[in-house]
């Protein structure tokens, strides 16, 4: 359902990568590998429509995502390297606000269940500014327990997580894939995720 054809990415005067192609279907996992500076995050931002490729195109259900963004973006859940949280809102409020921006009506009970699933329920009513980096990361990732989007694009989702949270998140991604979802992620960690079809893309710095 998602296909990249001959992608090239230029940042400033530096060519990060070129001639990059891949296809991902329902149930598929794609892990993007590469050293810092190789363009992993830039590739994810291209796939989210946040950057425009220097060359090539990205297709969703056979249609270019740039020309059909209104059809593509509702199918996408992106969790970036930055957590994208509002410091003055509580963990619970952040989840509900984030969902509302994508047209979801998430109840406080559903948001609390998501925070519980990733082990951060005790911080549900605390302002995000007082949380540790690991706790903030869990709050951002709790949105994956609420997301109906078939395509998840995750930039270093396991960063700042302890072993228990890493296992829980890997299981959640596996559930998403088993239900016919797709996931593209970057990771410096070797995390086992159950997938019907697992692929890798390697970028060179």
N, C-alpha and C. Protein backbone atom coordinates (compact mmCIF):
# COMPACT_ATOMS: atom_id res chain seq x y z
N UNK A 1 0.82 -1.21 0.00
CA UNK A 1 0.00 0.00 0.00
C UNK A 1 0.85 1.26 0.00
N UNK A 2 2.06 1.18 0.55
CA UNK A 2 2.97 2.33 0.55
C UNK A 2 4.18 1.97 -0.31
N UNK A 3 4.51 2.84 -1.24
CA UNK A 3 5.64 2.58 -2.13
C UNK A 3 6.46 3.84 -2.30
N UNK A 4 7.79 3.68 -2.19
CA UNK A 4 8.73 4.76 -2.47
C UNK A 4 9.50 4.40 -3.73
N UNK A 5 9.62 5.35 -4.64
CA UNK A 5 10.26 5.09 -5.91
C UNK A 5 11.36 6.10 -6.18
N UNK A 6 12.61 5.67 -6.21
CA UNK A 6 13.74 6.50 -6.60
C UNK A 6 13.90 7.76 -5.78
N UNK A 7 13.72 7.65 -4.46
CA UNK A 7 13.80 8.84 -3.61
C UNK A 7 15.23 9.35 -3.47
N UNK A 8 15.35 10.67 -3.52
CA UNK A 8 16.60 11.35 -3.19
C UNK A 8 16.26 12.48 -2.23
N UNK A 9 17.15 12.70 -1.26
CA UNK A 9 16.91 13.73 -0.25
C UNK A 9 18.14 14.61 -0.14
N UNK A 10 17.93 15.90 -0.28
CA UNK A 10 19.00 16.90 -0.20
C UNK A 10 18.72 17.81 0.98
N UNK A 11 19.69 17.94 1.88
CA UNK A 11 19.56 18.88 2.99
C UNK A 11 20.68 19.88 2.89
N UNK A 12 20.34 21.15 2.64
CA UNK A 12 21.35 22.15 2.35
C UNK A 12 22.01 21.79 1.03
N UNK A 13 23.32 21.65 1.03
CA UNK A 13 24.03 21.25 -0.19
C UNK A 13 24.51 19.80 -0.11
N UNK A 14 23.98 19.06 0.85
CA UNK A 14 24.43 17.68 1.06
C UNK A 14 23.36 16.69 0.62
N UNK A 15 23.74 15.75 -0.23
CA UNK A 15 22.84 14.68 -0.65
C UNK A 15 22.89 13.57 0.39
N UNK A 16 21.78 13.36 1.07
CA UNK A 16 21.74 12.34 2.12
C UNK A 16 21.61 10.94 1.54
N UNK A 17 20.74 10.78 0.57
CA UNK A 17 20.60 9.48 -0.10
C UNK A 17 19.92 9.70 -1.45
N UNK A 18 20.03 8.70 -2.32
CA UNK A 18 19.40 8.77 -3.63
C UNK A 18 19.03 7.36 -4.08
N UNK A 19 18.17 7.29 -5.10
CA UNK A 19 17.74 6.03 -5.70
C UNK A 19 17.21 5.04 -4.66
N UNK A 20 16.47 5.55 -3.69
CA UNK A 20 15.93 4.69 -2.63
C UNK A 20 14.51 4.27 -2.99
N UNK A 21 14.28 2.97 -3.05
CA UNK A 21 12.96 2.44 -3.39
C UNK A 21 12.61 1.29 -2.45
N UNK A 22 11.34 1.21 -2.09
CA UNK A 22 10.85 0.07 -1.30
C UNK A 22 9.33 0.06 -1.38
N UNK A 23 8.75 -1.06 -0.98
CA UNK A 23 7.29 -1.18 -0.92
C UNK A 23 6.93 -1.85 0.40
N UNK A 24 5.84 -1.44 0.98
CA UNK A 24 5.38 -2.00 2.26
C UNK A 24 3.89 -2.28 2.15
N UNK A 25 3.51 -3.50 2.50
CA UNK A 25 2.12 -3.91 2.43
C UNK A 25 1.57 -4.16 3.83
N UNK A 26 0.28 -4.44 3.91
CA UNK A 26 -0.38 -4.69 5.19
C UNK A 26 0.35 -5.78 5.96
N UNK A 27 0.59 -5.53 7.24
CA UNK A 27 1.29 -6.47 8.09
C UNK A 27 2.79 -6.35 8.05
N UNK A 28 3.32 -5.42 7.26
CA UNK A 28 4.76 -5.30 7.06
C UNK A 28 5.44 -4.33 8.01
N UNK A 29 6.68 -4.67 8.36
CA UNK A 29 7.53 -3.84 9.21
C UNK A 29 8.77 -3.45 8.42
N UNK A 30 9.08 -2.16 8.40
CA UNK A 30 10.29 -1.68 7.75
C UNK A 30 11.14 -0.96 8.78
N UNK A 31 12.37 -1.44 8.98
CA UNK A 31 13.30 -0.80 9.90
C UNK A 31 14.35 -0.06 9.10
N UNK A 32 14.52 1.23 9.38
CA UNK A 32 15.49 2.07 8.68
C UNK A 32 16.75 2.14 9.51
N UNK A 33 17.84 1.68 8.94
CA UNK A 33 19.12 1.62 9.64
C UNK A 33 20.08 2.67 9.10
N UNK A 34 21.04 3.06 9.92
CA UNK A 34 22.06 4.01 9.47
C UNK A 34 22.63 4.78 10.63
N UNK A 35 23.83 5.31 10.43
CA UNK A 35 24.48 6.10 11.46
C UNK A 35 23.80 7.46 11.59
N UNK A 36 24.11 8.16 12.67
CA UNK A 36 23.61 9.53 12.82
C UNK A 36 24.05 10.37 11.63
N UNK A 37 23.12 11.14 11.07
CA UNK A 37 23.45 11.99 9.93
C UNK A 37 23.25 11.33 8.59
N UNK A 38 22.81 10.07 8.60
CA UNK A 38 22.64 9.36 7.32
C UNK A 38 21.32 9.68 6.63
N UNK A 39 20.41 10.32 7.35
CA UNK A 39 19.14 10.71 6.74
C UNK A 39 17.94 9.91 7.18
N UNK A 40 18.06 9.16 8.28
CA UNK A 40 16.93 8.33 8.73
C UNK A 40 15.70 9.18 9.07
N UNK A 41 15.91 10.20 9.89
CA UNK A 41 14.77 11.06 10.27
C UNK A 41 14.23 11.82 9.06
N UNK A 42 15.12 12.23 8.17
CA UNK A 42 14.67 12.93 6.96
C UNK A 42 13.81 12.02 6.10
N UNK A 43 14.18 10.74 6.00
CA UNK A 43 13.36 9.80 5.24
C UNK A 43 11.97 9.68 5.85
N UNK A 44 11.90 9.57 7.16
CA UNK A 44 10.59 9.48 7.81
C UNK A 44 9.76 10.74 7.56
N UNK A 45 10.40 11.88 7.58
CA UNK A 45 9.68 13.13 7.33
C UNK A 45 9.21 13.22 5.88
N UNK A 46 9.98 12.66 4.96
CA UNK A 46 9.52 12.57 3.57
C UNK A 46 8.25 11.72 3.49
N UNK A 47 8.27 10.58 4.20
CA UNK A 47 7.13 9.66 4.16
C UNK A 47 5.90 10.25 4.82
N UNK A 48 6.11 11.21 5.72
CA UNK A 48 4.98 11.90 6.37
C UNK A 48 4.50 13.11 5.57
N UNK A 49 5.21 13.44 4.49
CA UNK A 49 4.83 14.62 3.71
C UNK A 49 5.33 15.92 4.30
N UNK A 50 6.23 15.84 5.29
CA UNK A 50 6.75 17.05 5.93
C UNK A 50 7.92 17.63 5.15
N UNK A 51 8.58 16.82 4.35
CA UNK A 51 9.62 17.25 3.43
C UNK A 51 9.28 16.79 2.03
N UNK A 52 9.83 17.47 1.03
CA UNK A 52 9.61 17.09 -0.36
C UNK A 52 10.88 16.45 -0.91
N UNK A 53 10.79 15.26 -1.52
CA UNK A 53 12.01 14.63 -2.04
C UNK A 53 12.62 15.43 -3.18
N UNK A 54 13.93 15.40 -3.26
CA UNK A 54 14.63 16.05 -4.37
C UNK A 54 14.30 15.34 -5.68
N UNK A 55 14.18 14.03 -5.60
CA UNK A 55 13.79 13.21 -6.74
C UNK A 55 12.89 12.09 -6.23
N UNK A 56 12.13 11.49 -7.17
CA UNK A 56 11.31 10.35 -6.84
C UNK A 56 9.95 10.73 -6.27
N UNK A 57 9.17 9.72 -5.93
CA UNK A 57 7.84 9.99 -5.37
C UNK A 57 7.44 8.89 -4.40
N UNK A 58 6.46 9.22 -3.58
CA UNK A 58 5.92 8.31 -2.58
C UNK A 58 4.45 8.10 -2.91
N UNK A 59 4.04 6.83 -2.97
CA UNK A 59 2.68 6.49 -3.35
C UNK A 59 1.97 5.77 -2.21
N UNK A 60 0.72 6.13 -2.01
CA UNK A 60 -0.16 5.42 -1.07
C UNK A 60 -1.35 4.93 -1.87
N UNK A 61 -1.56 3.62 -1.85
CA UNK A 61 -2.63 3.00 -2.64
C UNK A 61 -2.53 3.43 -4.11
N UNK A 62 -1.29 3.56 -4.58
CA UNK A 62 -1.05 3.88 -5.98
C UNK A 62 -1.12 5.34 -6.34
N UNK A 63 -1.37 6.22 -5.35
CA UNK A 63 -1.52 7.65 -5.64
C UNK A 63 -0.42 8.44 -4.93
N UNK A 64 0.16 9.46 -5.59
CA UNK A 64 1.20 10.28 -4.95
C UNK A 64 0.67 10.97 -3.70
N UNK A 65 1.42 10.88 -2.61
CA UNK A 65 0.91 11.44 -1.36
C UNK A 65 0.84 12.96 -1.40
N UNK A 66 1.69 13.60 -2.18
CA UNK A 66 1.66 15.06 -2.23
C UNK A 66 0.37 15.57 -2.84
N UNK A 67 -0.08 14.92 -3.91
CA UNK A 67 -1.30 15.35 -4.60
C UNK A 67 -2.56 14.84 -3.92
N UNK A 68 -2.42 13.85 -3.05
CA UNK A 68 -3.59 13.25 -2.40
C UNK A 68 -3.40 13.22 -0.89
N UNK A 69 -2.87 14.32 -0.35
CA UNK A 69 -2.59 14.39 1.09
C UNK A 69 -3.83 14.20 1.94
N UNK A 70 -4.98 14.69 1.48
CA UNK A 70 -6.20 14.58 2.27
C UNK A 70 -6.63 13.13 2.44
N UNK A 71 -6.32 12.30 1.46
CA UNK A 71 -6.63 10.88 1.57
C UNK A 71 -5.56 10.12 2.35
N UNK A 72 -4.32 10.58 2.25
CA UNK A 72 -3.19 9.87 2.86
C UNK A 72 -3.05 10.14 4.35
N UNK A 73 -3.05 11.40 4.74
CA UNK A 73 -2.68 11.76 6.11
C UNK A 73 -3.58 11.14 7.19
N UNK A 74 -4.89 10.95 6.96
CA UNK A 74 -5.69 10.28 8.00
C UNK A 74 -5.28 8.83 8.24
N UNK A 75 -4.53 8.25 7.32
CA UNK A 75 -4.07 6.87 7.49
C UNK A 75 -2.74 6.77 8.22
N UNK A 76 -2.21 7.90 8.64
CA UNK A 76 -0.84 7.97 9.15
C UNK A 76 -0.80 8.42 10.61
N UNK A 77 0.00 7.72 11.41
CA UNK A 77 0.32 8.16 12.77
C UNK A 77 1.84 8.30 12.86
N UNK A 78 2.31 9.51 13.16
CA UNK A 78 3.73 9.80 13.23
C UNK A 78 4.12 10.16 14.65
N UNK A 79 5.11 9.47 15.19
CA UNK A 79 5.71 9.84 16.47
C UNK A 79 7.16 10.16 16.18
N UNK A 80 7.51 11.43 16.26
CA UNK A 80 8.85 11.87 15.89
C UNK A 80 9.86 11.68 17.00
N UNK A 81 11.09 12.07 16.70
CA UNK A 81 12.17 11.99 17.69
C UNK A 81 11.87 12.91 18.87
N UNK A 82 11.27 14.06 18.58
CA UNK A 82 10.77 14.95 19.64
C UNK A 82 9.37 14.48 20.02
N UNK A 83 9.02 14.63 21.28
CA UNK A 83 7.78 14.03 21.76
C UNK A 83 6.52 14.78 21.35
N UNK A 84 6.65 16.07 21.03
CA UNK A 84 5.49 16.83 20.59
C UNK A 84 4.43 17.01 21.67
N UNK A 85 4.86 17.20 22.91
CA UNK A 85 3.93 17.36 24.02
C UNK A 85 3.89 18.81 24.48
N UNK A 86 2.75 19.21 25.03
CA UNK A 86 2.59 20.54 25.62
C UNK A 86 2.95 20.46 27.10
N UNK A 87 3.99 21.18 27.51
CA UNK A 87 4.51 21.07 28.86
C UNK A 87 3.51 21.44 29.94
N UNK A 88 2.62 22.39 29.64
CA UNK A 88 1.69 22.86 30.67
C UNK A 88 0.45 21.98 30.80
N UNK A 89 0.26 21.04 29.87
CA UNK A 89 -0.87 20.12 29.96
C UNK A 89 -0.44 18.84 30.67
N UNK A 90 -1.39 18.17 31.26
CA UNK A 90 -1.10 16.88 31.89
C UNK A 90 -0.90 15.82 30.82
N UNK A 91 -0.40 14.67 31.23
CA UNK A 91 -0.23 13.55 30.30
C UNK A 91 -1.58 13.18 29.68
N UNK A 92 -2.60 13.11 30.50
CA UNK A 92 -3.94 12.77 30.03
C UNK A 92 -4.44 13.81 29.03
N UNK A 93 -4.29 15.08 29.35
CA UNK A 93 -4.75 16.15 28.46
C UNK A 93 -3.98 16.15 27.14
N UNK A 94 -2.70 15.84 27.19
CA UNK A 94 -1.91 15.77 25.96
C UNK A 94 -2.45 14.70 25.03
N UNK A 95 -2.76 13.53 25.57
CA UNK A 95 -3.29 12.46 24.73
C UNK A 95 -4.62 12.85 24.11
N UNK A 96 -5.51 13.43 24.89
CA UNK A 96 -6.82 13.81 24.38
C UNK A 96 -6.71 14.92 23.34
N UNK A 97 -5.82 15.89 23.58
CA UNK A 97 -5.64 16.97 22.62
C UNK A 97 -5.07 16.45 21.31
N UNK A 98 -4.05 15.60 21.41
CA UNK A 98 -3.43 15.03 20.21
C UNK A 98 -4.45 14.27 19.38
N UNK A 99 -5.29 13.50 20.05
CA UNK A 99 -6.32 12.74 19.33
C UNK A 99 -7.34 13.67 18.67
N UNK A 100 -7.71 14.73 19.37
CA UNK A 100 -8.71 15.65 18.81
C UNK A 100 -8.21 16.35 17.56
N UNK A 101 -6.90 16.57 17.46
CA UNK A 101 -6.34 17.21 16.28
C UNK A 101 -6.46 16.35 15.03
N UNK A 102 -6.64 15.05 15.22
CA UNK A 102 -6.83 14.14 14.09
C UNK A 102 -8.28 13.71 13.95
N UNK A 103 -9.18 14.40 14.65
CA UNK A 103 -10.60 14.12 14.52
C UNK A 103 -11.11 13.01 15.41
N UNK A 104 -10.29 12.51 16.34
CA UNK A 104 -10.72 11.47 17.26
C UNK A 104 -11.34 12.09 18.50
N UNK A 105 -12.35 11.43 19.02
CA UNK A 105 -12.95 11.84 20.29
C UNK A 105 -12.56 10.78 21.32
N UNK A 106 -11.50 11.05 22.06
CA UNK A 106 -10.97 10.08 23.02
C UNK A 106 -11.39 10.48 24.42
N UNK A 107 -12.04 9.58 25.12
CA UNK A 107 -12.48 9.86 26.47
C UNK A 107 -11.31 9.82 27.44
N UNK A 108 -11.52 10.41 28.62
CA UNK A 108 -10.47 10.37 29.64
C UNK A 108 -10.18 8.94 30.05
N UNK A 109 -11.21 8.09 30.08
CA UNK A 109 -11.01 6.69 30.45
C UNK A 109 -10.14 5.96 29.43
N UNK A 110 -10.37 6.23 28.15
CA UNK A 110 -9.57 5.59 27.10
C UNK A 110 -8.12 6.07 27.15
N UNK A 111 -7.94 7.37 27.38
CA UNK A 111 -6.59 7.92 27.48
C UNK A 111 -5.86 7.34 28.69
N UNK A 112 -6.57 7.18 29.79
CA UNK A 112 -5.96 6.61 31.00
C UNK A 112 -5.58 5.14 30.75
N UNK A 113 -6.41 4.42 30.02
CA UNK A 113 -6.10 3.02 29.70
C UNK A 113 -4.83 2.93 28.86
N UNK A 114 -4.65 3.87 27.94
CA UNK A 114 -3.45 3.89 27.12
C UNK A 114 -2.21 4.17 27.96
N UNK A 115 -2.31 5.12 28.87
CA UNK A 115 -1.19 5.43 29.77
C UNK A 115 -0.88 4.25 30.68
N UNK A 116 -1.93 3.54 31.10
CA UNK A 116 -1.76 2.36 31.94
C UNK A 116 -1.01 1.27 31.18
N UNK A 117 -1.36 1.10 29.91
CA UNK A 117 -0.76 0.05 29.10
C UNK A 117 0.75 0.20 28.99
N UNK A 118 1.22 1.44 28.95
CA UNK A 118 2.66 1.65 28.81
C UNK A 118 3.32 2.02 30.15
N UNK A 119 2.55 1.86 31.23
CA UNK A 119 3.13 1.96 32.56
C UNK A 119 3.37 3.36 33.08
N UNK A 120 2.53 4.31 32.67
CA UNK A 120 2.76 5.70 33.10
C UNK A 120 1.49 6.31 33.70
N UNK A 121 0.53 5.46 34.09
CA UNK A 121 -0.75 5.96 34.60
C UNK A 121 -0.58 6.82 35.85
N UNK A 122 0.43 6.53 36.65
CA UNK A 122 0.62 7.29 37.90
C UNK A 122 0.91 8.76 37.63
N UNK A 123 1.32 9.07 36.41
CA UNK A 123 1.63 10.46 36.05
C UNK A 123 0.53 11.11 35.22
N UNK A 124 -0.61 10.47 35.14
CA UNK A 124 -1.67 10.91 34.22
C UNK A 124 -2.08 12.36 34.43
N UNK A 125 -2.12 12.81 35.67
CA UNK A 125 -2.63 14.15 35.97
C UNK A 125 -1.53 15.17 36.28
N UNK A 126 -0.28 14.77 36.06
CA UNK A 126 0.83 15.68 36.30
C UNK A 126 1.13 16.47 35.02
N UNK A 127 1.53 17.74 35.17
CA UNK A 127 1.95 18.48 33.97
C UNK A 127 3.20 17.83 33.38
N UNK A 128 3.26 17.77 32.08
CA UNK A 128 4.35 17.08 31.41
C UNK A 128 5.71 17.69 31.75
N UNK A 129 5.75 18.97 32.07
CA UNK A 129 7.04 19.62 32.33
C UNK A 129 7.78 19.02 33.51
N UNK A 130 7.08 18.33 34.42
CA UNK A 130 7.75 17.77 35.60
C UNK A 130 8.19 16.33 35.36
N UNK A 131 7.90 15.76 34.20
CA UNK A 131 8.23 14.36 33.94
C UNK A 131 9.66 14.22 33.42
N UNK A 132 10.23 13.04 33.63
CA UNK A 132 11.55 12.74 33.09
C UNK A 132 11.44 12.49 31.59
N UNK A 133 12.59 12.42 30.91
CA UNK A 133 12.57 12.17 29.47
C UNK A 133 11.94 10.82 29.15
N UNK A 134 12.25 9.82 29.96
CA UNK A 134 11.64 8.51 29.73
C UNK A 134 10.15 8.53 29.93
N UNK A 135 9.67 9.27 30.92
CA UNK A 135 8.23 9.38 31.16
C UNK A 135 7.54 10.13 30.03
N UNK A 136 8.17 11.20 29.55
CA UNK A 136 7.61 11.95 28.44
C UNK A 136 7.50 11.07 27.20
N UNK A 137 8.53 10.26 26.98
CA UNK A 137 8.50 9.38 25.81
C UNK A 137 7.34 8.40 25.91
N UNK A 138 7.10 7.88 27.09
CA UNK A 138 5.97 6.96 27.28
C UNK A 138 4.64 7.65 27.00
N UNK A 139 4.50 8.88 27.44
CA UNK A 139 3.26 9.62 27.18
C UNK A 139 3.03 9.77 25.67
N UNK A 140 4.09 10.16 24.96
CA UNK A 140 3.96 10.32 23.51
C UNK A 140 3.60 9.00 22.84
N UNK A 141 4.21 7.91 23.29
CA UNK A 141 3.97 6.61 22.68
C UNK A 141 2.63 5.99 23.08
N UNK A 142 2.06 6.46 24.18
CA UNK A 142 0.75 5.96 24.59
C UNK A 142 -0.30 6.20 23.52
N UNK A 143 -0.06 7.19 22.67
CA UNK A 143 -1.00 7.48 21.58
C UNK A 143 -1.16 6.29 20.64
N UNK A 144 -0.18 5.39 20.62
CA UNK A 144 -0.27 4.22 19.74
C UNK A 144 -1.32 3.22 20.22
N UNK A 145 -1.72 3.33 21.46
CA UNK A 145 -2.81 2.47 21.96
C UNK A 145 -4.17 3.05 21.59
N UNK A 146 -4.18 4.26 21.05
CA UNK A 146 -5.43 4.92 20.69
C UNK A 146 -5.58 5.11 19.18
N UNK A 147 -4.50 4.91 18.46
CA UNK A 147 -4.49 5.26 17.03
C UNK A 147 -5.17 4.22 16.16
N UNK A 148 -6.14 4.65 15.33
CA UNK A 148 -6.77 3.75 14.37
C UNK A 148 -6.05 3.74 13.02
N UNK A 149 -4.99 4.54 12.88
CA UNK A 149 -4.31 4.68 11.59
C UNK A 149 -3.58 3.39 11.22
N UNK A 150 -3.68 2.96 9.97
CA UNK A 150 -3.00 1.72 9.56
C UNK A 150 -1.50 1.85 9.43
N UNK A 151 -0.98 3.06 9.17
CA UNK A 151 0.45 3.24 8.97
C UNK A 151 1.04 4.02 10.13
N UNK A 152 1.98 3.38 10.83
CA UNK A 152 2.69 4.05 11.91
C UNK A 152 4.12 4.33 11.46
N UNK A 153 4.56 5.57 11.63
CA UNK A 153 5.93 5.97 11.31
C UNK A 153 6.55 6.50 12.61
N UNK A 154 7.57 5.79 13.10
CA UNK A 154 8.08 6.03 14.44
C UNK A 154 9.59 6.28 14.39
N UNK A 155 9.99 7.44 14.88
CA UNK A 155 11.41 7.82 14.88
C UNK A 155 12.00 7.51 16.26
N UNK A 156 12.87 6.51 16.32
CA UNK A 156 13.51 6.09 17.57
C UNK A 156 12.50 5.89 18.70
N UNK A 157 11.50 5.04 18.49
CA UNK A 157 10.46 4.89 19.51
C UNK A 157 10.95 4.29 20.82
N UNK A 158 12.06 3.54 20.79
CA UNK A 158 12.55 2.88 22.00
C UNK A 158 13.55 3.72 22.78
N UNK A 159 13.90 4.89 22.25
CA UNK A 159 14.85 5.76 22.95
C UNK A 159 14.29 6.19 24.29
N UNK A 160 15.12 6.17 25.31
CA UNK A 160 14.78 6.61 26.68
C UNK A 160 13.81 5.68 27.39
N UNK A 161 13.54 4.50 26.83
CA UNK A 161 12.67 3.52 27.49
C UNK A 161 13.52 2.48 28.21
N UNK A 162 13.01 2.01 29.36
CA UNK A 162 13.69 0.91 30.02
C UNK A 162 13.29 -0.41 29.37
N UNK A 163 13.88 -1.51 29.84
CA UNK A 163 13.66 -2.81 29.20
C UNK A 163 12.19 -3.22 29.23
N UNK A 164 11.51 -2.96 30.34
CA UNK A 164 10.11 -3.37 30.47
C UNK A 164 9.23 -2.60 29.47
N UNK A 165 9.44 -1.29 29.38
CA UNK A 165 8.64 -0.48 28.46
C UNK A 165 8.95 -0.84 27.00
N UNK A 166 10.23 -1.16 26.73
CA UNK A 166 10.61 -1.57 25.38
C UNK A 166 9.87 -2.83 24.98
N UNK A 167 9.77 -3.78 25.88
CA UNK A 167 9.05 -5.03 25.60
C UNK A 167 7.57 -4.78 25.36
N UNK A 168 6.98 -3.90 26.17
CA UNK A 168 5.55 -3.59 26.02
C UNK A 168 5.29 -2.92 24.67
N UNK A 169 6.15 -1.98 24.30
CA UNK A 169 5.97 -1.27 23.03
C UNK A 169 6.17 -2.22 21.85
N UNK A 170 7.17 -3.08 21.93
CA UNK A 170 7.40 -4.04 20.85
C UNK A 170 6.18 -4.94 20.66
N UNK A 171 5.57 -5.34 21.77
CA UNK A 171 4.37 -6.18 21.69
C UNK A 171 3.22 -5.41 21.06
N UNK A 172 3.09 -4.12 21.40
CA UNK A 172 2.01 -3.30 20.83
C UNK A 172 2.19 -3.15 19.32
N UNK A 173 3.41 -2.93 18.87
CA UNK A 173 3.67 -2.83 17.44
C UNK A 173 3.35 -4.16 16.77
N UNK A 174 3.72 -5.26 17.41
CA UNK A 174 3.40 -6.58 16.87
C UNK A 174 1.90 -6.80 16.73
N UNK A 175 1.13 -6.34 17.70
CA UNK A 175 -0.33 -6.44 17.62
C UNK A 175 -0.86 -5.64 16.44
N UNK A 176 -0.32 -4.46 16.26
CA UNK A 176 -0.73 -3.60 15.15
C UNK A 176 -0.46 -4.28 13.81
N UNK A 177 0.69 -4.90 13.67
CA UNK A 177 1.04 -5.59 12.42
C UNK A 177 0.15 -6.81 12.22
N UNK A 178 -0.11 -7.55 13.28
CA UNK A 178 -0.94 -8.74 13.17
C UNK A 178 -2.36 -8.41 12.74
N UNK A 179 -2.80 -7.19 13.06
CA UNK A 179 -4.14 -6.74 12.68
C UNK A 179 -4.18 -6.15 11.27
N UNK A 180 -3.04 -6.21 10.56
CA UNK A 180 -2.99 -5.70 9.20
C UNK A 180 -2.41 -4.32 9.06
N UNK A 181 -1.88 -3.76 10.15
CA UNK A 181 -1.25 -2.45 10.08
C UNK A 181 0.15 -2.54 9.50
N UNK A 182 0.76 -1.39 9.34
CA UNK A 182 2.13 -1.29 8.84
C UNK A 182 2.92 -0.35 9.75
N UNK A 183 4.21 -0.64 9.88
CA UNK A 183 5.06 0.21 10.73
C UNK A 183 6.40 0.43 10.06
N UNK A 184 6.83 1.68 10.06
CA UNK A 184 8.17 2.05 9.64
C UNK A 184 8.85 2.72 10.82
N UNK A 185 10.03 2.25 11.19
CA UNK A 185 10.68 2.83 12.35
C UNK A 185 12.19 2.88 12.17
N UNK A 186 12.80 3.77 12.94
CA UNK A 186 14.25 3.80 13.09
C UNK A 186 14.57 3.35 14.51
N UNK A 187 15.72 2.71 14.69
CA UNK A 187 16.11 2.31 16.03
C UNK A 187 17.58 1.96 16.06
N UNK A 188 18.23 2.40 17.12
CA UNK A 188 19.62 2.02 17.36
C UNK A 188 19.69 0.74 18.19
N UNK A 189 18.52 0.24 18.60
CA UNK A 189 18.46 -0.96 19.42
C UNK A 189 17.93 -2.13 18.60
N UNK A 190 18.41 -3.33 18.92
CA UNK A 190 17.94 -4.54 18.26
C UNK A 190 16.77 -5.08 19.07
N UNK A 191 15.56 -4.73 18.65
CA UNK A 191 14.35 -5.11 19.38
C UNK A 191 13.56 -6.11 18.54
N UNK A 192 13.19 -7.23 19.14
CA UNK A 192 12.43 -8.25 18.42
C UNK A 192 10.97 -7.85 18.34
N UNK A 193 10.45 -7.76 17.11
CA UNK A 193 9.05 -7.43 16.87
C UNK A 193 8.47 -8.48 15.93
N UNK A 194 7.36 -9.08 16.32
CA UNK A 194 6.73 -10.08 15.47
C UNK A 194 6.08 -9.40 14.28
N UNK A 195 6.42 -9.88 13.08
CA UNK A 195 5.88 -9.29 11.86
C UNK A 195 5.74 -10.36 10.80
N UNK A 196 4.68 -10.26 10.02
CA UNK A 196 4.47 -11.20 8.91
C UNK A 196 5.56 -11.04 7.87
N UNK A 197 5.97 -9.80 7.65
CA UNK A 197 7.04 -9.52 6.70
C UNK A 197 7.88 -8.39 7.26
N UNK A 198 9.16 -8.64 7.48
CA UNK A 198 10.06 -7.63 8.04
C UNK A 198 11.15 -7.29 7.03
N UNK A 199 11.36 -6.00 6.80
CA UNK A 199 12.34 -5.53 5.83
C UNK A 199 13.24 -4.50 6.49
N UNK A 200 14.39 -4.28 5.91
CA UNK A 200 15.28 -3.22 6.37
C UNK A 200 15.73 -2.37 5.20
N UNK A 201 15.99 -1.11 5.48
CA UNK A 201 16.61 -0.18 4.53
C UNK A 201 17.83 0.40 5.23
N UNK A 202 18.97 0.34 4.60
CA UNK A 202 20.20 0.86 5.20
C UNK A 202 20.64 2.13 4.47
N UNK A 203 20.87 3.18 5.23
CA UNK A 203 21.36 4.44 4.70
C UNK A 203 22.80 4.64 5.13
N UNK A 204 23.61 5.24 4.28
CA UNK A 204 25.01 5.49 4.59
C UNK A 204 25.24 6.95 4.87
N UNK A 205 25.98 7.23 5.93
CA UNK A 205 26.27 8.63 6.28
C UNK A 205 27.30 9.20 5.31
